[in-house]
Amino acid sequence: MPPGAARYAGHVDAAIRATGAVAPRPPAHPGDRIRGFLFTTERHTAHRTRSWAEARHARDELVWSTSGVMRVAAGDQLWTVPAHRAVWLPAGQPHAIEVSADTVLHATYFARGAAPQLPRGPVVVELLPAVRELLLLNTASPLPPATRMRLQELAIELLVPAPTAQVDLRMPETPRLRHVAEGVLADLAAADSTAAWADRVGLPARELSRAFAAETGLSVTQWRIRARVRASLVPLGSGQPVVATARTLGYASASTFIAHFRSVLGVTPAAYFAPGRDKKHHNVAT
C-alpha cells in the first residue's frame, strides 16, 4: 500500500481529534456521536494526480471535492465525480479513490445512524451549493455547540441521492471555452488534443485546461468522453452493436469505449441495457 493510502486509511481518528473529539473505537450502538456531534471532515490537497488504494472505514463516509475531479471505485461500481457531486460510502464499504491534479478532496465521517435517508450501499449524492457551504463552515469556523449541531442537522437533511436519468454535460459559459465544447459536440469522432484546441482559440494549453475544468468540472478529454457516452445511449438503446457504436464515435477499440462507458455510468453497455434491468440502480455521477 502506498504511503498516501496508509495515511488516508488511518486519518479518521486524527480528523476526529482535530474537532476536539477522540473516538479510536466507535461505539457499537446505532446512535453514537463524535463527542456530541454528527460528523467531522478531513481535507486532502493533491497537486498532482494521486490515488489511494482500497480501504474501508468504521464510519459512514461522504467523499467530495471543492475542485478537481475524483474517480471512486466501490464494489463493482466506478464513477467519475465532478465537484458538484459526492459519493456516499457506508461503513465497511471497500473503496479506492483517484483524483486529478489540483484536486481538493474532503472526507466527511458520520456518527452511526446520522443520515438514515441514505442507503446502506454506495451511491452518488447531489452536493448542493448550500450543503457544500455548510460542510465548509462546519470545518472552518468556531461555532457554539448548539449552532454547530443545527448546522450539521441541516446539512445531513439536504443530502439526497443524485438523479440517475441520463448523462448530462455542463456547458462552459466563456465564449472561447464554449467554442471548444461546441466543436467537440460537432465532431465526437475527432480526437483533437487540448493543445490543438488551445491553438485554435488562442490560449495557452495549460490555461485552457484549467479554465475548462473550472467551468465544467472536467478536463477537455474527460468532457469529450462524457459527451461520447451520452451520444452512445440512443444507438445502443436502439440495438446497434457496441463495436459499431464505438467506431462511429471515433474509437479504434471497442474495449476502450466500454471502459469509458463504465467510468461514466458505473456499468458496461451490456449491463446497462440488459433486459428487465432497472436503470435506477445504475448510479450516474454527472
Foldseek 3Di string as FASTA:
>chain_A
DDPVQVCVQPCPQVQLVVLVFGDPDFDPDQQTFRVPAWKTKDKDWAQAKDKHAKHFAQFKKKKAWPAFWKWKDWDLFIEIAFRQKIKIAGHPTIMMMITGHGIMMMMMTGRGPLQVQDDNHMAMKGRDPLLVVLNVCLHPDDDDPVVSRVSVSVSSVRIDGDDQDAQDWQAFDPVLSNVLVVVCLVQLQDDDDLCNSCVVSVHHSVVSQRSNCVRTRDGSVLRSLSSLLRVLPVCVLVPDDLVVSCVSSNHPDSVVNQVSNCHFFGHGSCQCNPPPDDSRVGHGND
